[in-house]
Amino acid sequence: MDVIELMLLLLLLVCGIATCLSRNLLVSLVIFMAYSVMMSIVWVLLEAPDLAITEAAVGAGVSSVLLFLTLKKIRDIRKKVQDEKK
């Protein structure tokens, strides 16, 4: 294995674990996006450009946007509940 491939695999492992262990949802989401981008690079190295494009578009693109919107809605709901308690 090439050194770059080993580094990418190690970074994928670190990103996966960090995503699970992070207590801040926004940080977890950013790490998840980085994981998806690195995974698309791995697909390119494995000579699967169709999977790389799909991973970049869906994993780092669409899923991340949907998760950001969900996180925003959660924070809005929490804020509304806190305002009602006051």
PDB file of N, CA and C in Angstrom:
ATOM      1  N   MET A   1       0.834  -1.186   0.000  1.00  0.00           N
ATOM      2  CA  MET A   1       0.000   0.000   0.000  1.00  0.00           C
ATOM      3  C   MET A   1       0.875   1.243   0.000  1.00  0.00           C
ATOM      4  N   ASP A   2       0.375   2.212  -0.638  1.00  0.00           N
ATOM      5  CA  ASP A   2       1.063   3.496  -0.711  1.00  0.00           C
ATOM      6  C   ASP A   2       0.927   4.233   0.627  1.00  0.00           C
ATOM      7  N   VAL A   3       1.825   5.133   0.895  1.00  0.00           N
ATOM      8  CA  VAL A   3       1.777   5.911   2.133  1.00  0.00           C
ATOM      9  C   VAL A   3       0.523   6.785   2.167  1.00  0.00           C
ATOM     10  N   ILE A   4       0.155   7.353   1.034  1.00  0.00           N
ATOM     11  CA  ILE A   4      -1.031   8.217   0.966  1.00  0.00           C
ATOM     12  C   ILE A   4      -2.293   7.420   1.276  1.00  0.00           C
ATOM     13  N   GLU A   5      -2.362   6.199   0.748  1.00  0.00           N
ATOM     14  CA  GLU A   5      -3.538   5.371   1.015  1.00  0.00           C
ATOM     15  C   GLU A   5      -3.638   5.006   2.497  1.00  0.00           C
ATOM     16  N   LEU A   6      -2.506   4.696   3.098  1.00  0.00           N
ATOM     17  CA  LEU A   6      -2.514   4.386   4.534  1.00  0.00           C
ATOM     18  C   LEU A   6      -2.926   5.599   5.366  1.00  0.00           C
ATOM     19  N   MET A   7      -2.432   6.768   4.976  1.00  0.00           N
ATOM     20  CA  MET A   7      -2.815   7.990   5.691  1.00  0.00           C
ATOM     21  C   MET A   7      -4.312   8.256   5.553  1.00  0.00           C
ATOM     22  N   LEU A   8      -4.851   8.063   4.351  1.00  0.00           N
ATOM     23  CA  LEU A   8      -6.288   8.271   4.147  1.00  0.00           C
ATOM     24  C   LEU A   8      -7.105   7.295   4.972  1.00  0.00           C
ATOM     25  N   LEU A   9      -6.691   6.038   5.009  1.00  0.00           N
ATOM     26  CA  LEU A   9      -7.419   5.053   5.812  1.00  0.00           C
ATOM     27  C   LEU A   9      -7.359   5.389   7.297  1.00  0.00           C
ATOM     28  N   LEU A  10      -6.211   5.844   7.766  1.00  0.00           N
ATOM     29  CA  LEU A  10      -6.083   6.250   9.162  1.00  0.00           C
ATOM     30  C   LEU A  10      -6.970   7.465   9.453  1.00  0.00           C
ATOM     31  N   LEU A  11      -6.980   8.440   8.542  1.00  0.00           N
ATOM     32  CA  LEU A  11      -7.834   9.622   8.730  1.00  0.00           C
ATOM     33  C   LEU A  11      -9.316   9.257   8.702  1.00  0.00           C
ATOM     34  N   LEU A  12      -9.684   8.301   7.847  1.00  0.00           N
ATOM     35  CA  LEU A  12     -11.074   7.839   7.823  1.00  0.00           C
ATOM     36  C   LEU A  12     -11.458   7.227   9.170  1.00  0.00           C
ATOM     37  N   LEU A  13     -10.571   6.431   9.709  1.00  0.00           N
ATOM     38  CA  LEU A  13     -10.829   5.814  11.004  1.00  0.00           C
ATOM     39  C   LEU A  13     -10.946   6.868  12.103  1.00  0.00           C
ATOM     40  N   VAL A  14     -10.042   7.832  12.095  1.00  0.00           N
ATOM     41  CA  VAL A  14     -10.072   8.905  13.096  1.00  0.00           C
ATOM     42  C   VAL A  14     -11.351   9.733  12.955  1.00  0.00           C
ATOM     43  N   CYS A  15     -11.720  10.073  11.732  1.00  0.00           N
ATOM     44  CA  CYS A  15     -12.947  10.857  11.526  1.00  0.00           C
ATOM     45  C   CYS A  15     -14.183  10.091  11.976  1.00  0.00           C
ATOM     46  N   GLY A  16     -14.238   8.809  11.682  1.00  0.00           N
ATOM     47  CA  GLY A  16     -15.382   8.009  12.115  1.00  0.00           C
ATOM     48  C   GLY A  16     -15.516   7.959  13.624  1.00  0.00           C
ATOM     49  N   ILE A  17     -14.412   7.749  14.303  1.00  0.00           N
ATOM     50  CA  ILE A  17     -14.436   7.695  15.767  1.00  0.00           C
ATOM     51  C   ILE A  17     -14.740   9.075  16.350  1.00  0.00           C
ATOM     52  N   ALA A  18     -14.126  10.116  15.781  1.00  0.00           N
ATOM     53  CA  ALA A  18     -14.350  11.473  16.294  1.00  0.00           C
ATOM     54  C   ALA A  18     -15.802  11.901  16.104  1.00  0.00           C
ATOM     55  N   THR A  19     -16.417  11.497  15.002  1.00  0.00           N
ATOM     56  CA  THR A  19     -17.824  11.829  14.767  1.00  0.00           C
ATOM     57  C   THR A  19     -18.700  11.207  15.848  1.00  0.00           C
ATOM     58  N   CYS A  20     -18.400   9.984  16.206  1.00  0.00           N
ATOM     59  CA  CYS A  20     -19.205   9.298  17.223  1.00  0.00           C
ATOM     60  C   CYS A  20     -18.977   9.850  18.626  1.00  0.00           C
ATOM     61  N   LEU A  21     -17.766  10.275  18.913  1.00  0.00           N
ATOM     62  CA  LEU A  21     -17.436  10.690  20.265  1.00  0.00           C
ATOM     63  C   LEU A  21     -17.650  12.178  20.545  1.00  0.00           C
ATOM     64  N   SER A  22     -17.839  12.968  19.523  1.00  0.00           N
ATOM     65  CA  SER A  22     -18.004  14.406  19.714  1.00  0.00           C
ATOM     66  C   SER A  22     -19.338  14.711  20.378  1.00  0.00           C
ATOM     67  N   ARG A  23     -19.322  15.617  21.344  1.00  0.00           N
ATOM     68  CA  ARG A  23     -20.548  15.998  22.037  1.00  0.00           C
ATOM     69  C   ARG A  23     -21.270  17.151  21.346  1.00  0.00           C
ATOM     70  N   ASN A  24     -20.548  17.909  20.553  1.00  0.00           N
ATOM     71  CA  ASN A  24     -21.131  19.040  19.839  1.00  0.00           C
ATOM     72  C   ASN A  24     -21.633  18.553  18.479  1.00  0.00           C
ATOM     73  N   LEU A  25     -22.914  18.747  18.208  1.00  0.00           N
ATOM     74  CA  LEU A  25     -23.493  18.248  16.966  1.00  0.00           C
ATOM     75  C   LEU A  25     -22.923  18.936  15.739  1.00  0.00           C
ATOM     76  N   LEU A  26     -22.642  20.220  15.832  1.00  0.00           N
ATOM     77  CA  LEU A  26     -22.080  20.938  14.691  1.00  0.00           C
ATOM     78  C   LEU A  26     -20.682  20.420  14.361  1.00  0.00           C
ATOM     79  N   VAL A  27     -19.884  20.160  15.370  1.00  0.00           N
ATOM     80  CA  VAL A  27     -18.549  19.606  15.157  1.00  0.00           C
ATOM     81  C   VAL A  27     -18.648  18.214  14.531  1.00  0.00           C
ATOM     82  N   SER A  28     -19.583  17.410  15.022  1.00  0.00           N
ATOM     83  CA  SER A  28     -19.789  16.078  14.450  1.00  0.00           C
ATOM     84  C   SER A  28     -20.165  16.162  12.985  1.00  0.00           C
ATOM     85  N   LEU A  29     -20.977  17.132  12.645  1.00  0.00           N
ATOM     86  CA  LEU A  29     -21.407  17.297  11.260  1.00  0.00           C
ATOM     87  C   LEU A  29     -20.250  17.702  10.356  1.00  0.00           C
ATOM     88  N   VAL A  30     -19.406  18.592  10.813  1.00  0.00           N
ATOM     89  CA  VAL A  30     -18.255  19.012  10.017  1.00  0.00           C
ATOM     90  C   VAL A  30     -17.282  17.845   9.835  1.00  0.00           C
ATOM     91  N   ILE A  31     -17.080  17.057  10.884  1.00  0.00           N
ATOM     92  CA  ILE A  31     -16.208  15.892  10.775  1.00  0.00           C
ATOM     93  C   ILE A  31     -16.814  14.875   9.814  1.00  0.00           C
ATOM     94  N   PHE A  32     -18.124  14.711   9.853  1.00  0.00           N
ATOM     95  CA  PHE A  32     -18.805  13.815   8.920  1.00  0.00           C
ATOM     96  C   PHE A  32     -18.602  14.267   7.478  1.00  0.00           C
ATOM     97  N   MET A  33     -18.652  15.566   7.250  1.00  0.00           N
ATOM     98  CA  MET A  33     -18.410  16.084   5.901  1.00  0.00           C
ATOM     99  C   MET A  33     -16.981  15.772   5.454  1.00  0.00           C
ATOM    100  N   ALA A  34     -16.030  15.944   6.360  1.00  0.00           N
ATOM    101  CA  ALA A  34     -14.637  15.625   6.038  1.00  0.00           C
ATOM    102  C   ALA A  34     -14.483  14.140   5.731  1.00  0.00           C
ATOM    103  N   TYR A  35     -15.179  13.315   6.488  1.00  0.00           N
ATOM    104  CA  TYR A  35     -15.161  11.871   6.238  1.00  0.00           C
ATOM    105  C   TYR A  35     -15.659  11.563   4.833  1.00  0.00           C
ATOM    106  N   SER A  36     -16.746  12.197   4.433  1.00  0.00           N
ATOM    107  CA  SER A  36     -17.307  11.952   3.102  1.00  0.00           C
ATOM    108  C   SER A  36     -16.359  12.401   1.993  1.00  0.00           C
ATOM    109  N   VAL A  37     -15.710  13.529   2.195  1.00  0.00           N
ATOM    110  CA  VAL A  37     -14.759  14.011   1.184  1.00  0.00           C
ATOM    111  C   VAL A  37     -13.573  13.049   1.072  1.00  0.00           C
ATOM    112  N   MET A  38     -13.063  12.601   2.214  1.00  0.00           N
ATOM    113  CA  MET A  38     -11.947  11.647   2.167  1.00  0.00           C
ATOM    114  C   MET A  38     -12.366  10.324   1.546  1.00  0.00           C
ATOM    115  N   MET A  39     -13.584   9.907   1.808  1.00  0.00           N
ATOM    116  CA  MET A  39     -14.074   8.665   1.215  1.00  0.00           C
ATOM    117  C   MET A  39     -14.191   8.792  -0.294  1.00  0.00           C
ATOM    118  N   SER A  40     -14.575   9.966  -0.775  1.00  0.00           N
ATOM    119  CA  SER A  40     -14.641  10.150  -2.233  1.00  0.00           C
ATOM    120  C   SER A  40     -13.233  10.120  -2.843  1.00  0.00           C
ATOM    121  N   ILE A  41     -12.233  10.614  -2.103  1.00  0.00           N
ATOM    122  CA  ILE A  41     -10.849  10.525  -2.580  1.00  0.00           C
ATOM    123  C   ILE A  41     -10.401   9.065  -2.633  1.00  0.00           C
ATOM    124  N   VAL A  42     -10.800   8.289  -1.644  1.00  0.00           N
ATOM    125  CA  VAL A  42     -10.469   6.858  -1.647  1.00  0.00           C
ATOM    126  C   VAL A  42     -11.092   6.174  -2.858  1.00  0.00           C
ATOM    127  N   TRP A  43     -12.330   6.527  -3.183  1.00  0.00           N
ATOM    128  CA  TRP A  43     -12.979   5.940  -4.355  1.00  0.00           C
ATOM    129  C   TRP A  43     -12.244   6.304  -5.636  1.00  0.00           C
ATOM    130  N   VAL A  44     -11.726   7.514  -5.710  1.00  0.00           N
ATOM    131  CA  VAL A  44     -10.938   7.901  -6.891  1.00  0.00           C
ATOM    132  C   VAL A  44      -9.668   7.060  -6.967  1.00  0.00           C
ATOM    133  N   LEU A  45      -9.003   6.866  -5.840  1.00  0.00           N
ATOM    134  CA  LEU A  45      -7.787   6.046  -5.820  1.00  0.00           C
ATOM    135  C   LEU A  45      -8.072   4.592  -6.189  1.00  0.00           C
ATOM    136  N   LEU A  46      -9.261   4.134  -5.870  1.00  0.00           N
ATOM    137  CA  LEU A  46      -9.658   2.771  -6.232  1.00  0.00           C
ATOM    138  C   LEU A  46     -10.214   2.682  -7.652  1.00  0.00           C
ATOM    139  N   GLU A  47     -10.089   3.786  -8.379  1.00  0.00           N
ATOM    140  CA  GLU A  47     -10.517   3.879  -9.782  1.00  0.00           C
ATOM    141  C   GLU A  47     -12.011   3.608  -9.946  1.00  0.00           C
ATOM    142  N   ALA A  48     -12.795   4.225  -9.080  1.00  0.00           N
ATOM    143  CA  ALA A  48     -14.248   4.154  -9.165  1.00  0.00           C
ATOM    144  C   ALA A  48     -14.797   5.577  -9.166  1.00  0.00           C
ATOM    145  N   PRO A  49     -14.635   6.303 -10.281  1.00  0.00           N
ATOM    146  CA  PRO A  49     -15.039   7.711 -10.291  1.00  0.00           C
ATOM    147  C   PRO A  49     -16.541   7.921 -10.121  1.00  0.00           C
ATOM    148  N   ASP A  50     -17.342   6.958 -10.577  1.00  0.00           N
ATOM    149  CA  ASP A  50     -18.786   7.100 -10.407  1.00  0.00           C
ATOM    150  C   ASP A  50     -19.171   7.095  -8.926  1.00  0.00           C
ATOM    151  N   LEU A  51     -18.544   6.217  -8.157  1.00  0.00           N
ATOM    152  CA  LEU A  51     -18.800   6.196  -6.712  1.00  0.00           C
ATOM    153  C   LEU A  51     -18.242   7.432  -6.018  1.00  0.00           C
ATOM    154  N   ALA A  52     -17.108   7.922  -6.513  1.00  0.00           N
ATOM    155  CA  ALA A  52     -16.507   9.126  -5.926  1.00  0.00           C
ATOM    156  C   ALA A  52     -17.420  10.326  -6.110  1.00  0.00           C
ATOM    157  N   ILE A  53     -17.976  10.468  -7.300  1.00  0.00           N
ATOM    158  CA  ILE A  53     -18.882  11.590  -7.565  1.00  0.00           C
ATOM    159  C   ILE A  53     -20.144  11.463  -6.712  1.00  0.00           C
ATOM    160  N   THR A  54     -20.659  10.259  -6.612  1.00  0.00           N
ATOM    161  CA  THR A  54     -21.857  10.037  -5.804  1.00  0.00           C
ATOM    162  C   THR A  54     -21.590  10.326  -4.335  1.00  0.00           C
ATOM    163  N   GLU A  55     -20.454   9.864  -3.837  1.00  0.00           N
ATOM    164  CA  GLU A  55     -20.099  10.114  -2.429  1.00  0.00           C
ATOM    165  C   GLU A  55     -19.934  11.598  -2.153  1.00  0.00           C
ATOM    166  N   ALA A  56     -19.285  12.293  -3.077  1.00  0.00           N
ATOM    167  CA  ALA A  56     -19.082  13.733  -2.886  1.00  0.00           C
ATOM    168  C   ALA A  56     -20.411  14.483  -2.943  1.00  0.00           C
ATOM    169  N   ALA A  57     -21.272  14.100  -3.877  1.00  0.00           N
ATOM    170  CA  ALA A  57     -22.538  14.807  -4.040  1.00  0.00           C
ATOM    171  C   ALA A  57     -23.515  14.491  -2.910  1.00  0.00           C
ATOM    172  N   VAL A  58     -23.666  13.218  -2.611  1.00  0.00           N
ATOM    173  CA  VAL A  58     -24.653  12.820  -1.611  1.00  0.00           C
ATOM    174  C   VAL A  58     -24.086  12.904  -0.195  1.00  0.00           C
ATOM    175  N   GLY A  59     -22.903  12.336   0.021  1.00  0.00           N
ATOM    176  CA  GLY A  59     -22.333  12.288   1.361  1.00  0.00           C
ATOM    177  C   GLY A  59     -21.934  13.644   1.888  1.00  0.00           C
ATOM    178  N   ALA A  60     -21.128  14.365   1.109  1.00  0.00           N
ATOM    179  CA  ALA A  60     -20.645  15.667   1.575  1.00  0.00           C
ATOM    180  C   ALA A  60     -21.592  16.791   1.202  1.00  0.00           C
ATOM    181  N   GLY A  61     -22.433  16.565   0.224  1.00  0.00           N
ATOM    182  CA  GLY A  61     -23.311  17.630  -0.253  1.00  0.00           C
ATOM    183  C   GLY A  61     -24.697  17.590   0.344  1.00  0.00           C
ATOM    184  N   VAL A  62     -25.533  16.750  -0.219  1.00  0.00           N
ATOM    185  CA  VAL A  62     -26.953  16.731   0.131  1.00  0.00           C
ATOM    186  C   VAL A  62     -27.179  16.341   1.591  1.00  0.00           C
ATOM    187  N   SER A  63     -26.532  15.277   2.033  1.00  0.00           N
ATOM    188  CA  SER A  63     -26.726  14.835   3.423  1.00  0.00           C
ATOM    189  C   SER A  63     -26.299  15.903   4.419  1.00  0.00           C
ATOM    190  N   SER A  64     -25.187  16.545   4.130  1.00  0.00           N
ATOM    191  CA  SER A  64     -24.704  17.580   5.045  1.00  0.00           C
ATOM    192  C   SER A  64     -25.654  18.771   5.110  1.00  0.00           C
ATOM    193  N   VAL A  65     -26.176  19.169   3.979  1.00  0.00           N
ATOM    194  CA  VAL A  65     -27.128  20.283   3.962  1.00  0.00           C
ATOM    195  C   VAL A  65     -28.382  19.912   4.750  1.00  0.00           C
ATOM    196  N   LEU A  66     -28.879  18.697   4.540  1.00  0.00           N
ATOM    197  CA  LEU A  66     -30.067  18.263   5.275  1.00  0.00           C
ATOM    198  C   LEU A  66     -29.799  18.183   6.781  1.00  0.00           C
ATOM    199  N   LEU A  67     -28.618  17.712   7.147  1.00  0.00           N
ATOM    200  CA  LEU A  67     -28.286  17.648   8.571  1.00  0.00           C
ATOM    201  C   LEU A  67     -28.106  19.039   9.168  1.00  0.00           C
ATOM    202  N   PHE A  68     -27.521  19.982   8.410  1.00  0.00           N
ATOM    203  CA  PHE A  68     -27.410  21.368   8.885  1.00  0.00           C
ATOM    204  C   PHE A  68     -28.796  21.957   9.119  1.00  0.00           C
ATOM    205  N   LEU A  69     -29.715  21.748   8.184  1.00  0.00           N
ATOM    206  CA  LEU A  69     -31.070  22.271   8.341  1.00  0.00           C
ATOM    207  C   LEU A  69     -31.771  21.645   9.545  1.00  0.00           C
ATOM    208  N   THR A  70     -31.570  20.352   9.748  1.00  0.00           N
ATOM    209  CA  THR A  70     -32.153  19.679  10.903  1.00  0.00           C
ATOM    210  C   THR A  70     -31.588  20.233  12.201  1.00  0.00           C
ATOM    211  N   LEU A  71     -30.284  20.460  12.230  1.00  0.00           N
ATOM    212  CA  LEU A  71     -29.651  21.034  13.416  1.00  0.00           C
ATOM    213  C   LEU A  71     -30.186  22.429  13.701  1.00  0.00           C
ATOM    214  N   LYS A  72     -30.404  23.206  12.655  1.00  0.00           N
ATOM    215  CA  LYS A  72     -30.970  24.555  12.819  1.00  0.00           C
ATOM    216  C   LYS A  72     -32.380  24.468  13.388  1.00  0.00           C
ATOM    217  N   LYS A  73     -33.180  23.535  12.887  1.00  0.00           N
ATOM    218  CA  LYS A  73     -34.547  23.363  13.395  1.00  0.00           C
ATOM    219  C   LYS A  73     -34.536  22.947  14.865  1.00  0.00           C
ATOM    220  N   ILE A  74     -33.622  22.056  15.222  1.00  0.00           N
ATOM    221  CA  ILE A  74     -33.522  21.615  16.617  1.00  0.00           C
ATOM    222  C   ILE A  74     -33.190  22.793  17.515  1.00  0.00           C
ATOM    223  N   ARG A  75     -32.244  23.623  17.094  1.00  0.00           N
ATOM    224  CA  ARG A  75     -31.864  24.782  17.906  1.00  0.00           C
ATOM    225  C   ARG A  75     -33.009  25.788  17.985  1.00  0.00           C
ATOM    226  N   ASP A  76     -33.765  25.960  16.897  1.00  0.00           N
ATOM    227  CA  ASP A  76     -34.921  26.857  16.934  1.00  0.00           C
ATOM    228  C   ASP A  76     -35.980  26.345  17.897  1.00  0.00           C
ATOM    229  N   ILE A  77     -36.210  25.034  17.896  1.00  0.00           N
ATOM    230  CA  ILE A  77     -37.202  24.448  18.795  1.00  0.00           C
ATOM    231  C   ILE A  77     -36.756  24.617  20.244  1.00  0.00           C
ATOM    232  N   ARG A  78     -35.474  24.363  20.513  1.00  0.00           N
ATOM    233  CA  ARG A  78     -34.963  24.538  21.874  1.00  0.00           C
ATOM    234  C   ARG A  78     -35.108  25.983  22.331  1.00  0.00           C
ATOM    235  N   LYS A  79     -34.804  26.916  21.448  1.00  0.00           N
ATOM    236  CA  LYS A  79     -34.907  28.331  21.793  1.00  0.00           C
ATOM    237  C   LYS A  79     -36.358  28.702  22.090  1.00  0.00           C
ATOM    238  N   LYS A  80     -37.285  28.188  21.282  1.00  0.00           N
ATOM    239  CA  LYS A  80     -38.699  28.480  21.491  1.00  0.00           C
ATOM    240  C   LYS A  80     -39.174  27.918  22.822  1.00  0.00           C
ATOM    241  N   VAL A  81     -38.741  26.715  23.168  1.00  0.00           N
ATOM    242  CA  VAL A  81     -39.139  26.101  24.429  1.00  0.00           C
ATOM    243  C   VAL A  81     -38.562  26.889  25.602  1.00  0.00           C
ATOM    244  N   GLN A  82     -37.321  27.344  25.493  1.00  0.00           N
ATOM    245  CA  GLN A  82     -36.719  28.138  26.569  1.00  0.00           C
ATOM    246  C   GLN A  82     -37.428  29.478  26.729  1.00  0.00           C
ATOM    247  N   ASP A  83     -37.834  30.091  25.618  1.00  0.00           N
ATOM    248  CA  ASP A  83     -38.556  31.352  25.678  1.00  0.00           C
ATOM    249  C   ASP A  83     -39.925  31.168  26.338  1.00  0.00           C
ATOM    250  N   GLU A  84     -40.575  30.028  26.084  1.00  0.00           N
ATOM    251  CA  GLU A  84     -41.871  29.779  26.683  1.00  0.00           C
ATOM    252  C   GLU A  84     -41.764  29.532  28.188  1.00  0.00           C
ATOM    253  N   LYS A  85     -40.642  28.996  28.634  1.00  0.00           N
ATOM    254  CA  LYS A  85     -40.458  28.733  30.065  1.00  0.00           C
ATOM    255  C   LYS A  85     -40.250  30.023  30.854  1.00  0.00           C
ATOM    256  N   LYS A  86     -39.745  31.049  30.190  1.00  0.00           N
ATOM    257  CA  LYS A  86     -39.467  32.317  30.885  1.00  0.00           C
ATOM    258  C   LYS A  86     -40.701  33.062  31.152  1.00  0.00           C
TER     259      LYS A  86
END
